[in-house]
Amino acid sequence: MPEGNQATATTPAEFSEVFHSDCPARGVLDHITSRWGIWVLLALNEGDKRFFELRDSIEGVSEKMLSQTLRDLAGDGLVWREVEPTVPPKVTYGLNEVGRGVSVRLVDMFRWIGANAENLCAEQAERTGSGPATR
């Protein structure tokens, strides 16, 4: 590169604020991309679910973490919660319009990953030296 000409990465103006720690969207993004947030959004993309249905469909999540994740996503306006006044209470969760918008994009991302899994695994194996890589 010629001296005096430095390459600079440019951030689109529409995303510039998200890189600041005080940006409200950053907190929402943290909740969506948290360890369990993605799985909750994907599970609810299939339809409304009761708490136990979510717990049973997301392998490995504890009730405590599922409760916290649902509380975060509901607080961000992505998930709604309905409580039926029965004993014990029946609690149902679902995606609102904004949550569906996020979830559809996550589904697209997972489809892309699935379609490219073989190449991704080959690249990973090549970098780590854990197996033959094919291109």
C-alpha atoms as a PDB file:
ATOM      1  CA  MET A   1       0.000   0.000   0.000  1.00  0.00           C
ATOM      2  CA  PRO A   2       1.448   3.418  -0.861  1.00  0.00           C
ATOM      3  CA  GLU A   3       2.673   5.369   2.122  1.00  0.00           C
ATOM      4  CA  GLY A   4       0.172   7.869   3.452  1.00  0.00           C
ATOM      5  CA  ASN A   5      -2.877   6.031   2.062  1.00  0.00           C
ATOM      6  CA  GLN A   6      -4.377   3.968   4.816  1.00  0.00           C
ATOM      7  CA  ALA A   7      -7.314   1.722   4.188  1.00  0.00           C
ATOM      8  CA  THR A   8     -10.132   2.563   6.538  1.00  0.00           C
ATOM      9  CA  ALA A   9     -13.108   0.418   7.266  1.00  0.00           C
ATOM     10  CA  THR A  10     -16.235   2.437   6.847  1.00  0.00           C
ATOM     11  CA  THR A  11     -19.331   1.826   8.864  1.00  0.00           C
ATOM     12  CA  PRO A  12     -22.624   2.574   7.155  1.00  0.00           C
ATOM     13  CA  ALA A  13     -24.228   5.586   8.801  1.00  0.00           C
ATOM     14  CA  GLU A  14     -27.305   3.538   9.638  1.00  0.00           C
ATOM     15  CA  PHE A  15     -25.215   1.280  11.926  1.00  0.00           C
ATOM     16  CA  SER A  16     -22.839   3.821  13.441  1.00  0.00           C
ATOM     17  CA  GLU A  17     -24.792   4.263  16.670  1.00  0.00           C
ATOM     18  CA  VAL A  18     -24.968   0.534  17.438  1.00  0.00           C
ATOM     19  CA  PHE A  19     -21.221   0.523  18.051  1.00  0.00           C
ATOM     20  CA  HIS A  20     -21.672   2.918  21.004  1.00  0.00           C
ATOM     21  CA  SER A  21     -22.214   1.248  24.358  1.00  0.00           C
ATOM     22  CA  ASP A  22     -25.162   3.506  25.202  1.00  0.00           C
ATOM     23  CA  CYS A  23     -27.145   2.648  22.050  1.00  0.00           C
ATOM     24  CA  PRO A  24     -30.522   1.121  23.045  1.00  0.00           C
ATOM     25  CA  ALA A  25     -30.442  -1.223  20.036  1.00  0.00           C
ATOM     26  CA  ARG A  26     -27.282  -2.795  21.395  1.00  0.00           C
ATOM     27  CA  GLY A  27     -29.126  -4.193  24.399  1.00  0.00           C
ATOM     28  CA  VAL A  28     -31.837  -5.659  22.182  1.00  0.00           C
ATOM     29  CA  LEU A  29     -29.185  -7.213  19.938  1.00  0.00           C
ATOM     30  CA  ASP A  30     -27.490  -8.682  23.019  1.00  0.00           C
ATOM     31  CA  HIS A  31     -30.784 -10.318  24.060  1.00  0.00           C
ATOM     32  CA  ILE A  32     -31.509 -11.662  20.569  1.00  0.00           C
ATOM     33  CA  THR A  33     -28.025 -13.117  20.174  1.00  0.00           C
ATOM     34  CA  SER A  34     -27.711 -14.376  23.743  1.00  0.00           C
ATOM     35  CA  ARG A  35     -27.051 -18.055  24.306  1.00  0.00           C
ATOM     36  CA  TRP A  36     -30.790 -18.846  24.492  1.00  0.00           C
ATOM     37  CA  GLY A  37     -32.398 -15.851  22.749  1.00  0.00           C
ATOM     38  CA  ILE A  38     -31.871 -17.204  19.251  1.00  0.00           C
ATOM     39  CA  TRP A  39     -33.323 -20.595  20.195  1.00  0.00           C
ATOM     40  CA  VAL A  40     -36.394 -19.058  21.853  1.00  0.00           C
ATOM     41  CA  LEU A  41     -37.081 -16.900  18.792  1.00  0.00           C
ATOM     42  CA  LEU A  42     -36.642 -19.879  16.460  1.00  0.00           C
ATOM     43  CA  ALA A  43     -38.918 -22.073  18.604  1.00  0.00           C
ATOM     44  CA  LEU A  44     -41.616 -19.391  18.718  1.00  0.00           C
ATOM     45  CA  ASN A  45     -41.322 -18.932  14.961  1.00  0.00           C
ATOM     46  CA  GLU A  46     -43.087 -22.306  14.727  1.00  0.00           C
ATOM     47  CA  GLY A  47     -46.051 -20.906  16.676  1.00  0.00           C
ATOM     48  CA  ASP A  48     -47.195 -19.867  20.136  1.00  0.00           C
ATOM     49  CA  LYS A  49     -45.990 -22.115  22.931  1.00  0.00           C
ATOM     50  CA  ARG A  50     -46.572 -22.638  26.600  1.00  0.00           C
ATOM     51  CA  PHE A  51     -43.562 -22.382  28.905  1.00  0.00           C
ATOM     52  CA  PHE A  52     -43.122 -26.147  29.282  1.00  0.00           C
ATOM     53  CA  GLU A  53     -43.332 -26.618  25.500  1.00  0.00           C
ATOM     54  CA  LEU A  54     -40.513 -24.119  25.028  1.00  0.00           C
ATOM     55  CA  ARG A  55     -38.481 -25.764  27.769  1.00  0.00           C
ATOM     56  CA  ASP A  56     -38.939 -29.194  26.225  1.00  0.00           C
ATOM     57  CA  SER A  57     -38.173 -28.039  22.676  1.00  0.00           C
ATOM     58  CA  ILE A  58     -34.935 -26.202  23.540  1.00  0.00           C
ATOM     59  CA  GLU A  59     -32.545 -28.876  24.710  1.00  0.00           C
ATOM     60  CA  GLY A  60     -30.221 -27.802  27.512  1.00  0.00           C
ATOM     61  CA  VAL A  61     -32.019 -24.651  28.678  1.00  0.00           C
ATOM     62  CA  SER A  62     -32.810 -24.439  32.388  1.00  0.00           C
ATOM     63  CA  GLU A  63     -36.125 -23.057  33.586  1.00  0.00           C
ATOM     64  CA  LYS A  64     -34.281 -20.140  35.167  1.00  0.00           C
ATOM     65  CA  MET A  65     -32.494 -19.199  31.920  1.00  0.00           C
ATOM     66  CA  LEU A  66     -35.632 -19.690  29.848  1.00  0.00           C
ATOM     67  CA  SER A  67     -37.575 -17.418  32.205  1.00  0.00           C
ATOM     68  CA  GLN A  68     -34.851 -14.756  32.070  1.00  0.00           C
ATOM     69  CA  THR A  69     -34.576 -14.953  28.277  1.00  0.00           C
ATOM     70  CA  LEU A  70     -38.350 -14.689  27.836  1.00  0.00           C
ATOM     71  CA  ARG A  71     -38.451 -11.735  30.239  1.00  0.00           C
ATOM     72  CA  ASP A  72     -35.672  -9.978  28.276  1.00  0.00           C
ATOM     73  CA  LEU A  73     -37.266 -10.618  24.879  1.00  0.00           C
ATOM     74  CA  ALA A  74     -40.687  -9.510  26.158  1.00  0.00           C
ATOM     75  CA  GLY A  75     -39.106  -6.370  27.627  1.00  0.00           C
ATOM     76  CA  ASP A  76     -37.557  -5.638  24.238  1.00  0.00           C
ATOM     77  CA  GLY A  77     -40.973  -5.901  22.590  1.00  0.00           C
ATOM     78  CA  LEU A  78     -40.254  -9.060  20.593  1.00  0.00           C
ATOM     79  CA  VAL A  79     -42.318 -11.586  22.560  1.00  0.00           C
ATOM     80  CA  TRP A  80     -45.764 -11.346  24.121  1.00  0.00           C
ATOM     81  CA  ARG A  81     -46.877 -13.219  27.229  1.00  0.00           C
ATOM     82  CA  GLU A  82     -50.404 -14.252  28.162  1.00  0.00           C
ATOM     83  CA  VAL A  83     -51.319 -15.610  31.577  1.00  0.00           C
ATOM     84  CA  GLU A  84     -54.566 -17.540  32.079  1.00  0.00           C
ATOM     85  CA  PRO A  85     -55.782 -17.220  35.676  1.00  0.00           C
ATOM     86  CA  THR A  86     -55.929 -20.924  36.428  1.00  0.00           C
ATOM     87  CA  VAL A  87     -54.276 -23.025  39.100  1.00  0.00           C
ATOM     88  CA  PRO A  88     -51.498 -23.442  38.198  1.00  0.00           C
ATOM     89  CA  PRO A  89     -51.434 -20.456  35.822  1.00  0.00           C
ATOM     90  CA  LYS A  90     -51.169 -21.252  32.111  1.00  0.00           C
ATOM     91  CA  VAL A  91     -48.580 -18.997  30.491  1.00  0.00           C
ATOM     92  CA  THR A  92     -48.337 -18.801  26.720  1.00  0.00           C
ATOM     93  CA  TYR A  93     -45.680 -16.978  24.699  1.00  0.00           C
ATOM     94  CA  GLY A  94     -45.625 -15.862  21.106  1.00  0.00           C
ATOM     95  CA  LEU A  95     -43.956 -13.472  18.710  1.00  0.00           C
ATOM     96  CA  ASN A  96     -45.388 -10.068  17.964  1.00  0.00           C
ATOM     97  CA  GLU A  97     -44.855  -8.420  14.571  1.00  0.00           C
ATOM     98  CA  VAL A  98     -41.357  -7.182  15.414  1.00  0.00           C
ATOM     99  CA  GLY A  99     -40.386 -10.552  16.893  1.00  0.00           C
ATOM    100  CA  ARG A 100     -41.604 -12.318  13.750  1.00  0.00           C
ATOM    101  CA  GLY A 101     -39.460  -9.977  11.652  1.00  0.00           C
ATOM    102  CA  VAL A 102     -36.376 -10.927  13.654  1.00  0.00           C
ATOM    103  CA  SER A 103     -37.274 -14.612  13.715  1.00  0.00           C
ATOM    104  CA  VAL A 104     -37.752 -14.831   9.949  1.00  0.00           C
ATOM    105  CA  ARG A 105     -34.257 -13.436   9.476  1.00  0.00           C
ATOM    106  CA  LEU A 106     -32.839 -15.967  11.929  1.00  0.00           C
ATOM    107  CA  VAL A 107     -34.561 -18.778  10.024  1.00  0.00           C
ATOM    108  CA  ASP A 108     -32.984 -17.467   6.811  1.00  0.00           C
ATOM    109  CA  MET A 109     -29.586 -17.417   8.500  1.00  0.00           C
ATOM    110  CA  PHE A 110     -29.987 -21.019   9.718  1.00  0.00           C
ATOM    111  CA  ARG A 111     -31.063 -22.130   6.252  1.00  0.00           C
ATOM    112  CA  TRP A 112     -27.937 -20.504   4.827  1.00  0.00           C
ATOM    113  CA  ILE A 113     -25.773 -22.218   7.456  1.00  0.00           C
ATOM    114  CA  GLY A 114     -27.422 -25.561   6.684  1.00  0.00           C
ATOM    115  CA  ALA A 115     -26.889 -25.127   2.951  1.00  0.00           C
ATOM    116  CA  ASN A 116     -23.243 -24.207   3.516  1.00  0.00           C
ATOM    117  CA  ALA A 117     -22.451 -26.502   6.457  1.00  0.00           C
ATOM    118  CA  GLU A 118     -20.216 -28.823   4.472  1.00  0.00           C
ATOM    119  CA  ASN A 119     -18.055 -25.963   3.194  1.00  0.00           C
ATOM    120  CA  LEU A 120     -17.984 -24.278   6.606  1.00  0.00           C
ATOM    121  CA  CYS A 121     -16.871 -27.512   8.293  1.00  0.00           C
ATOM    122  CA  ALA A 122     -14.215 -28.089   5.629  1.00  0.00           C
ATOM    123  CA  GLU A 123     -12.846 -24.569   6.108  1.00  0.00           C
ATOM    124  CA  GLN A 124     -12.826 -25.045   9.861  1.00  0.00           C
ATOM    125  CA  ALA A 125     -11.033 -28.385   9.564  1.00  0.00           C
ATOM    126  CA  GLU A 126      -8.454 -26.818   7.242  1.00  0.00           C
ATOM    127  CA  ARG A 127      -7.749 -23.999   9.702  1.00  0.00           C
ATOM    128  CA  THR A 128      -7.474 -26.266  12.712  1.00  0.00           C
ATOM    129  CA  GLY A 129      -5.722 -29.102  10.911  1.00  0.00           C
ATOM    130  CA  SER A 130      -8.275 -31.586  12.219  1.00  0.00           C
ATOM    131  CA  GLY A 131      -9.030 -33.228   8.929  1.00  0.00           C
ATOM    132  CA  PRO A 132      -8.865 -33.076   5.176  1.00  0.00           C
ATOM    133  CA  ALA A 133     -10.359 -30.030   3.545  1.00  0.00           C
ATOM    134  CA  THR A 134     -12.108 -30.126   0.239  1.00  0.00           C
ATOM    135  CA  ARG A 135     -12.977 -27.221  -1.995  1.00  0.00           C
END
